[in-house]
Amino acid sequence: MFVRIALIVGLAVLIWSTVARPSDATGPKRVYVVQAHDTLWSIASARYNGDVRDAIWRIQDRNRLASTTLTPGEKLVLP
């Protein structure tokens, strides 16, 4: 009986932790439209304080970018 209850509680906690994970979005999305000659470095350095490399990584991760090449007109969600 104890094993069954422990299994049910464990399963409930696992399901709750998967479903109740907070989103990485903490407000309205900030969308940036890439202009000619923009680079990830120029976008990140103009909008974030601190380590620009970290900001670039977060932009790439948030937008699932496989490379650092940007196309004018491309929309980026800024973290």
PDB file of N, CA and C in Angstrom:
ATOM      1  N   MET A   1       0.823  -1.193   0.000  1.00  0.00           N
ATOM      2  CA  MET A   1       0.000   0.000   0.000  1.00  0.00           C
ATOM      3  C   MET A   1       0.873   1.265   0.000  1.00  0.00           C
ATOM      4  N   PHE A   2       1.908   1.285   0.848  1.00  0.00           N
ATOM      5  CA  PHE A   2       2.799   2.438   0.926  1.00  0.00           C
ATOM      6  C   PHE A   2       3.488   2.677  -0.412  1.00  0.00           C
ATOM      7  N   VAL A   3       3.905   1.597  -1.076  1.00  0.00           N
ATOM      8  CA  VAL A   3       4.596   1.720  -2.358  1.00  0.00           C
ATOM      9  C   VAL A   3       3.668   2.337  -3.397  1.00  0.00           C
ATOM     10  N   ARG A   4       2.433   1.939  -3.395  1.00  0.00           N
ATOM     11  CA  ARG A   4       1.459   2.468  -4.351  1.00  0.00           C
ATOM     12  C   ARG A   4       1.243   3.971  -4.134  1.00  0.00           C
ATOM     13  N   ILE A   5       1.105   4.387  -2.886  1.00  0.00           N
ATOM     14  CA  ILE A   5       0.911   5.808  -2.581  1.00  0.00           C
ATOM     15  C   ILE A   5       2.151   6.607  -2.969  1.00  0.00           C
ATOM     16  N   ALA A   6       3.332   6.081  -2.642  1.00  0.00           N
ATOM     17  CA  ALA A   6       4.576   6.763  -2.992  1.00  0.00           C
ATOM     18  C   ALA A   6       4.712   6.890  -4.504  1.00  0.00           C
ATOM     19  N   LEU A   7       4.335   5.861  -5.232  1.00  0.00           N
ATOM     20  CA  LEU A   7       4.400   5.897  -6.688  1.00  0.00           C
ATOM     21  C   LEU A   7       3.436   6.939  -7.253  1.00  0.00           C
ATOM     22  N   ILE A   8       2.233   7.005  -6.729  1.00  0.00           N
ATOM     23  CA  ILE A   8       1.245   7.975  -7.197  1.00  0.00           C
ATOM     24  C   ILE A   8       1.709   9.400  -6.895  1.00  0.00           C
ATOM     25  N   VAL A   9       2.225   9.625  -5.694  1.00  0.00           N
ATOM     26  CA  VAL A   9       2.710  10.957  -5.328  1.00  0.00           C
ATOM     27  C   VAL A   9       3.900  11.345  -6.203  1.00  0.00           C
ATOM     28  N   GLY A  10       4.824  10.423  -6.416  1.00  0.00           N
ATOM     29  CA  GLY A  10       5.985  10.697  -7.259  1.00  0.00           C
ATOM     30  C   GLY A  10       5.580  11.024  -8.683  1.00  0.00           C
ATOM     31  N   LEU A  11       4.638  10.274  -9.219  1.00  0.00           N
ATOM     32  CA  LEU A  11       4.153  10.526 -10.570  1.00  0.00           C
ATOM     33  C   LEU A  11       3.449  11.884 -10.660  1.00  0.00           C
ATOM     34  N   ALA A  12       2.671  12.226  -9.640  1.00  0.00           N
ATOM     35  CA  ALA A  12       1.981  13.520  -9.624  1.00  0.00           C
ATOM     36  C   ALA A  12       2.983  14.672  -9.592  1.00  0.00           C
ATOM     37  N   VAL A  13       4.038  14.534  -8.798  1.00  0.00           N
ATOM     38  CA  VAL A  13       5.065  15.577  -8.723  1.00  0.00           C
ATOM     39  C   VAL A  13       5.776  15.712 -10.061  1.00  0.00           C
ATOM     40  N   LEU A  14       6.081  14.597 -10.702  1.00  0.00           N
ATOM     41  CA  LEU A  14       6.750  14.627 -12.001  1.00  0.00           C
ATOM     42  C   LEU A  14       5.883  15.330 -13.045  1.00  0.00           C
ATOM     43  N   ILE A  15       4.629  14.991 -13.100  1.00  0.00           N
ATOM     44  CA  ILE A  15       3.716  15.613 -14.062  1.00  0.00           C
ATOM     45  C   ILE A  15       3.564  17.102 -13.763  1.00  0.00           C
ATOM     46  N   TRP A  16       3.397  17.455 -12.494  1.00  0.00           N
ATOM     47  CA  TRP A  16       3.240  18.858 -12.121  1.00  0.00           C
ATOM     48  C   TRP A  16       4.476  19.664 -12.485  1.00  0.00           C
ATOM     49  N   SER A  17       5.663  19.119 -12.223  1.00  0.00           N
ATOM     50  CA  SER A  17       6.886  19.871 -12.510  1.00  0.00           C
ATOM     51  C   SER A  17       7.088  20.067 -14.006  1.00  0.00           C
ATOM     52  N   THR A  18       6.609  19.147 -14.818  1.00  0.00           N
ATOM     53  CA  THR A  18       6.723  19.282 -16.267  1.00  0.00           C
ATOM     54  C   THR A  18       5.727  20.306 -16.804  1.00  0.00           C
ATOM     55  N   VAL A  19       4.514  20.267 -16.326  1.00  0.00           N
ATOM     56  CA  VAL A  19       3.458  21.153 -16.813  1.00  0.00           C
ATOM     57  C   VAL A  19       3.608  22.564 -16.254  1.00  0.00           C
ATOM     58  N   ALA A  20       4.049  22.692 -15.024  1.00  0.00           N
ATOM     59  CA  ALA A  20       4.080  23.991 -14.350  1.00  0.00           C
ATOM     60  C   ALA A  20       5.389  24.744 -14.527  1.00  0.00           C
ATOM     61  N   ARG A  21       6.232  24.307 -15.452  1.00  0.00           N
ATOM     62  CA  ARG A  21       7.490  25.017 -15.675  1.00  0.00           C
ATOM     63  C   ARG A  21       7.213  26.427 -16.156  1.00  0.00           C
ATOM     64  N   PRO A  22       7.900  27.416 -15.587  1.00  0.00           N
ATOM     65  CA  PRO A  22       7.657  28.790 -16.031  1.00  0.00           C
ATOM     66  C   PRO A  22       8.208  29.021 -17.426  1.00  0.00           C
ATOM     67  N   SER A  23       7.567  29.882 -18.138  1.00  0.00           N
ATOM     68  CA  SER A  23       8.027  30.258 -19.469  1.00  0.00           C
ATOM     69  C   SER A  23       9.225  31.181 -19.336  1.00  0.00           C
ATOM     70  N   ASP A  24      10.084  31.217 -20.349  1.00  0.00           N
ATOM     71  CA  ASP A  24      11.209  32.146 -20.296  1.00  0.00           C
ATOM     72  C   ASP A  24      10.774  33.555 -20.675  1.00  0.00           C
ATOM     73  N   ALA A  25       9.543  33.701 -21.109  1.00  0.00           N
ATOM     74  CA  ALA A  25       9.021  35.027 -21.428  1.00  0.00           C
ATOM     75  C   ALA A  25       8.450  35.646 -20.156  1.00  0.00           C
ATOM     76  N   THR A  26       8.855  36.855 -19.838  1.00  0.00           N
ATOM     77  CA  THR A  26       8.391  37.499 -18.615  1.00  0.00           C
ATOM     78  C   THR A  26       7.597  38.762 -18.925  1.00  0.00           C
ATOM     79  N   GLY A  27       6.952  38.793 -20.029  1.00  0.00           N
ATOM     80  CA  GLY A  27       6.172  39.961 -20.408  1.00  0.00           C
ATOM     81  C   GLY A  27       5.933  39.933 -21.900  1.00  0.00           C
ATOM     82  N   PRO A  28       5.540  41.065 -22.433  1.00  0.00           N
ATOM     83  CA  PRO A  28       5.301  41.098 -23.874  1.00  0.00           C
ATOM     84  C   PRO A  28       6.603  40.879 -24.643  1.00  0.00           C
ATOM     85  N   LYS A  29       6.481  40.215 -25.764  1.00  0.00           N
ATOM     86  CA  LYS A  29       7.659  39.943 -26.592  1.00  0.00           C
ATOM     87  C   LYS A  29       8.174  41.243 -27.198  1.00  0.00           C
ATOM     88  N   ARG A  30       9.498  41.360 -27.203  1.00  0.00           N
ATOM     89  CA  ARG A  30      10.135  42.483 -27.892  1.00  0.00           C
ATOM     90  C   ARG A  30      10.660  41.930 -29.208  1.00  0.00           C
ATOM     91  N   VAL A  31      10.123  42.427 -30.293  1.00  0.00           N
ATOM     92  CA  VAL A  31      10.523  41.946 -31.616  1.00  0.00           C
ATOM     93  C   VAL A  31      11.364  43.023 -32.285  1.00  0.00           C
ATOM     94  N   TYR A  32      12.474  42.602 -32.858  1.00  0.00           N
ATOM     95  CA  TYR A  32      13.359  43.512 -33.579  1.00  0.00           C
ATOM     96  C   TYR A  32      13.420  43.052 -35.024  1.00  0.00           C
ATOM     97  N   VAL A  33      13.231  43.975 -35.955  1.00  0.00           N
ATOM     98  CA  VAL A  33      13.326  43.667 -37.381  1.00  0.00           C
ATOM     99  C   VAL A  33      14.737  44.021 -37.836  1.00  0.00           C
ATOM    100  N   VAL A  34      15.434  43.041 -38.373  1.00  0.00           N
ATOM    101  CA  VAL A  34      16.825  43.210 -38.792  1.00  0.00           C
ATOM    102  C   VAL A  34      16.897  44.187 -39.958  1.00  0.00           C
ATOM    103  N   GLN A  35      17.824  45.140 -39.846  1.00  0.00           N
ATOM    104  CA  GLN A  35      18.075  46.131 -40.889  1.00  0.00           C
ATOM    105  C   GLN A  35      19.339  45.736 -41.653  1.00  0.00           C
ATOM    106  N   ALA A  36      19.547  46.354 -42.803  1.00  0.00           N
ATOM    107  CA  ALA A  36      20.765  46.102 -43.579  1.00  0.00           C
ATOM    108  C   ALA A  36      21.983  46.421 -42.715  1.00  0.00           C
ATOM    109  N   HIS A  37      22.982  45.603 -42.797  1.00  0.00           N
ATOM    110  CA  HIS A  37      24.260  45.750 -42.091  1.00  0.00           C
ATOM    111  C   HIS A  37      24.178  45.473 -40.592  1.00  0.00           C
ATOM    112  N   ASP A  38      23.032  45.012 -40.085  1.00  0.00           N
ATOM    113  CA  ASP A  38      22.946  44.619 -38.674  1.00  0.00           C
ATOM    114  C   ASP A  38      23.714  43.331 -38.455  1.00  0.00           C
ATOM    115  N   THR A  39      24.299  43.220 -37.286  1.00  0.00           N
ATOM    116  CA  THR A  39      24.930  41.971 -36.850  1.00  0.00           C
ATOM    117  C   THR A  39      24.375  41.643 -35.473  1.00  0.00           C
ATOM    118  N   LEU A  40      24.535  40.399 -35.064  1.00  0.00           N
ATOM    119  CA  LEU A  40      24.108  40.051 -33.712  1.00  0.00           C
ATOM    120  C   LEU A  40      24.870  40.891 -32.687  1.00  0.00           C
ATOM    121  N   TRP A  41      26.145  41.140 -32.964  1.00  0.00           N
ATOM    122  CA  TRP A  41      26.948  41.948 -32.048  1.00  0.00           C
ATOM    123  C   TRP A  41      26.380  43.361 -31.929  1.00  0.00           C
ATOM    124  N   SER A  42      26.036  43.986 -33.054  1.00  0.00           N
ATOM    125  CA  SER A  42      25.525  45.365 -33.001  1.00  0.00           C
ATOM    126  C   SER A  42      24.168  45.426 -32.304  1.00  0.00           C
ATOM    127  N   ILE A  43      23.321  44.442 -32.544  1.00  0.00           N
ATOM    128  CA  ILE A  43      22.006  44.411 -31.900  1.00  0.00           C
ATOM    129  C   ILE A  43      22.167  44.211 -30.399  1.00  0.00           C
ATOM    130  N   ALA A  44      22.990  43.241 -30.008  1.00  0.00           N
ATOM    131  CA  ALA A  44      23.175  42.928 -28.588  1.00  0.00           C
ATOM    132  C   ALA A  44      23.854  44.070 -27.842  1.00  0.00           C
ATOM    133  N   SER A  45      24.879  44.656 -28.432  1.00  0.00           N
ATOM    134  CA  SER A  45      25.612  45.714 -27.723  1.00  0.00           C
ATOM    135  C   SER A  45      24.783  46.984 -27.573  1.00  0.00           C
ATOM    136  N   ALA A  46      23.844  47.225 -28.487  1.00  0.00           N
ATOM    137  CA  ALA A  46      23.004  48.420 -28.405  1.00  0.00           C
ATOM    138  C   ALA A  46      21.863  48.263 -27.397  1.00  0.00           C
ATOM    139  N   ARG A  47      21.509  47.035 -27.047  1.00  0.00           N
ATOM    140  CA  ARG A  47      20.323  46.819 -26.229  1.00  0.00           C
ATOM    141  C   ARG A  47      20.571  46.193 -24.864  1.00  0.00           C
ATOM    142  N   TYR A  48      21.767  45.701 -24.614  1.00  0.00           N
ATOM    143  CA  TYR A  48      22.041  45.005 -23.358  1.00  0.00           C
ATOM    144  C   TYR A  48      23.313  45.527 -22.714  1.00  0.00           C
ATOM    145  N   ASN A  49      23.292  45.606 -21.397  1.00  0.00           N
ATOM    146  CA  ASN A  49      24.497  45.930 -20.638  1.00  0.00           C
ATOM    147  C   ASN A  49      25.171  44.621 -20.266  1.00  0.00           C
ATOM    148  N   GLY A  50      26.439  44.668 -20.014  1.00  0.00           N
ATOM    149  CA  GLY A  50      27.141  43.458 -19.605  1.00  0.00           C
ATOM    150  C   GLY A  50      27.846  42.801 -20.772  1.00  0.00           C
ATOM    151  N   ASP A  51      28.056  41.499 -20.638  1.00  0.00           N
ATOM    152  CA  ASP A  51      28.807  40.726 -21.626  1.00  0.00           C
ATOM    153  C   ASP A  51      27.987  40.570 -22.908  1.00  0.00           C
ATOM    154  N   VAL A  52      28.461  41.160 -23.982  1.00  0.00           N
ATOM    155  CA  VAL A  52      27.752  41.114 -25.265  1.00  0.00           C
ATOM    156  C   VAL A  52      27.666  39.682 -25.770  1.00  0.00           C
ATOM    157  N   ARG A  53      28.702  38.882 -25.510  1.00  0.00           N
ATOM    158  CA  ARG A  53      28.687  37.486 -25.971  1.00  0.00           C
ATOM    159  C   ARG A  53      27.539  36.707 -25.345  1.00  0.00           C
ATOM    160  N   ASP A  54      27.242  36.982 -24.080  1.00  0.00           N
ATOM    161  CA  ASP A  54      26.119  36.324 -23.414  1.00  0.00           C
ATOM    162  C   ASP A  54      24.799  36.758 -24.042  1.00  0.00           C
ATOM    163  N   ALA A  55      24.671  38.038 -24.349  1.00  0.00           N
ATOM    164  CA  ALA A  55      23.454  38.543 -24.992  1.00  0.00           C
ATOM    165  C   ALA A  55      23.271  37.925 -26.371  1.00  0.00           C
ATOM    166  N   ILE A  56      24.367  37.781 -27.117  1.00  0.00           N
ATOM    167  CA  ILE A  56      24.294  37.144 -28.438  1.00  0.00           C
ATOM    168  C   ILE A  56      23.812  35.713 -28.300  1.00  0.00           C
ATOM    169  N   TRP A  57      24.370  34.995 -27.327  1.00  0.00           N
ATOM    170  CA  TRP A  57      23.958  33.598 -27.118  1.00  0.00           C
ATOM    171  C   TRP A  57      22.473  33.526 -26.792  1.00  0.00           C
ATOM    172  N   ARG A  58      21.987  34.441 -25.934  1.00  0.00           N
ATOM    173  CA  ARG A  58      20.565  34.419 -25.566  1.00  0.00           C
ATOM    174  C   ARG A  58      19.668  34.726 -26.768  1.00  0.00           C
ATOM    175  N   ILE A  59      20.091  35.667 -27.623  1.00  0.00           N
ATOM    176  CA  ILE A  59      19.311  35.975 -28.830  1.00  0.00           C
ATOM    177  C   ILE A  59      19.286  34.763 -29.755  1.00  0.00           C
ATOM    178  N   GLN A  60      20.452  34.135 -29.960  1.00  0.00           N
ATOM    179  CA  GLN A  60      20.513  32.944 -30.817  1.00  0.00           C
ATOM    180  C   GLN A  60      19.643  31.829 -30.255  1.00  0.00           C
ATOM    181  N   ASP A  61      19.717  31.618 -28.945  1.00  0.00           N
ATOM    182  CA  ASP A  61      18.950  30.549 -28.312  1.00  0.00           C
ATOM    183  C   ASP A  61      17.454  30.823 -28.401  1.00  0.00           C
ATOM    184  N   ARG A  62      17.049  32.033 -28.114  1.00  0.00           N
ATOM    185  CA  ARG A  62      15.628  32.398 -28.118  1.00  0.00           C
ATOM    186  C   ARG A  62      15.009  32.253 -29.503  1.00  0.00           C
ATOM    187  N   ASN A  63      15.811  32.534 -30.546  1.00  0.00           N
ATOM    188  CA  ASN A  63      15.307  32.488 -31.922  1.00  0.00           C
ATOM    189  C   ASN A  63      15.718  31.226 -32.665  1.00  0.00           C
ATOM    190  N   ARG A  64      16.395  30.328 -31.966  1.00  0.00           N
ATOM    191  CA  ARG A  64      16.861  29.055 -32.541  1.00  0.00           C
ATOM    192  C   ARG A  64      17.653  29.285 -33.826  1.00  0.00           C
ATOM    193  N   LEU A  65      18.608  30.211 -33.742  1.00  0.00           N
ATOM    194  CA  LEU A  65      19.449  30.524 -34.895  1.00  0.00           C
ATOM    195  C   LEU A  65      20.611  29.541 -34.955  1.00  0.00           C
ATOM    196  N   ALA A  66      20.811  28.934 -36.104  1.00  0.00           N
ATOM    197  CA  ALA A  66      21.912  27.979 -36.281  1.00  0.00           C
ATOM    198  C   ALA A  66      23.222  28.688 -36.592  1.00  0.00           C
ATOM    199  N   SER A  67      23.148  29.917 -37.084  1.00  0.00           N
ATOM    200  CA  SER A  67      24.367  30.661 -37.404  1.00  0.00           C
ATOM    201  C   SER A  67      24.184  32.117 -36.988  1.00  0.00           C
ATOM    202  N   THR A  68      25.223  32.894 -37.210  1.00  0.00           N
ATOM    203  CA  THR A  68      25.159  34.318 -36.860  1.00  0.00           C
ATOM    204  C   THR A  68      24.775  35.188 -38.051  1.00  0.00           C
ATOM    205  N   THR A  69      24.484  34.577 -39.184  1.00  0.00           N
ATOM    206  CA  THR A  69      24.109  35.319 -40.387  1.00  0.00           C
ATOM    207  C   THR A  69      22.667  35.807 -40.264  1.00  0.00           C
ATOM    208  N   LEU A  70      22.477  37.102 -40.468  1.00  0.00           N
ATOM    209  CA  LEU A  70      21.145  37.702 -40.402  1.00  0.00           C
ATOM    210  C   LEU A  70      20.743  38.221 -41.772  1.00  0.00           C
ATOM    211  N   THR A  71      19.439  38.220 -42.027  1.00  0.00           N
ATOM    212  CA  THR A  71      18.892  38.702 -43.287  1.00  0.00           C
ATOM    213  C   THR A  71      18.022  39.925 -43.008  1.00  0.00           C
ATOM    214  N   PRO A  72      18.212  41.016 -43.752  1.00  0.00           N
ATOM    215  CA  PRO A  72      17.344  42.180 -43.552  1.00  0.00           C
ATOM    216  C   PRO A  72      15.868  41.784 -43.670  1.00  0.00           C
ATOM    217  N   GLY A  73      15.065  42.283 -42.736  1.00  0.00           N
ATOM    218  CA  GLY A  73      13.649  41.949 -42.692  1.00  0.00           C
ATOM    219  C   GLY A  73      13.335  40.800 -41.750  1.00  0.00           C
ATOM    220  N   GLU A  74      14.352  40.055 -41.355  1.00  0.00           N
ATOM    221  CA  GLU A  74      14.163  38.945 -40.415  1.00  0.00           C
ATOM    222  C   GLU A  74      13.724  39.507 -39.062  1.00  0.00           C
ATOM    223  N   LYS A  75      12.794  38.822 -38.403  1.00  0.00           N
ATOM    224  CA  LYS A  75      12.302  39.274 -37.103  1.00  0.00           C
ATOM    225  C   LYS A  75      12.945  38.434 -36.005  1.00  0.00           C
ATOM    226  N   LEU A  76      13.511  39.123 -35.026  1.00  0.00           N
ATOM    227  CA  LEU A  76      14.137  38.459 -33.889  1.00  0.00           C
ATOM    228  C   LEU A  76      13.356  38.793 -32.624  1.00  0.00           C
ATOM    229  N   VAL A  77      13.075  37.780 -31.822  1.00  0.00           N
ATOM    230  CA  VAL A  77      12.477  38.007 -30.512  1.00  0.00           C
ATOM    231  C   VAL A  77      13.628  38.234 -29.549  1.00  0.00           C
ATOM    232  N   LEU A  78      13.638  39.385 -28.897  1.00  0.00           N
ATOM    233  CA  LEU A  78      14.720  39.716 -27.977  1.00  0.00           C
ATOM    234  C   LEU A  78      14.350  39.276 -26.568  1.00  0.00           C
ATOM    235  N   PRO A  79      15.277  38.591 -25.900  1.00  0.00           N
ATOM    236  CA  PRO A  79      15.006  38.131 -24.523  1.00  0.00           C
ATOM    237  C   PRO A  79      15.025  39.281 -23.532  1.00  0.00           C
TER     238      PRO A  79
END
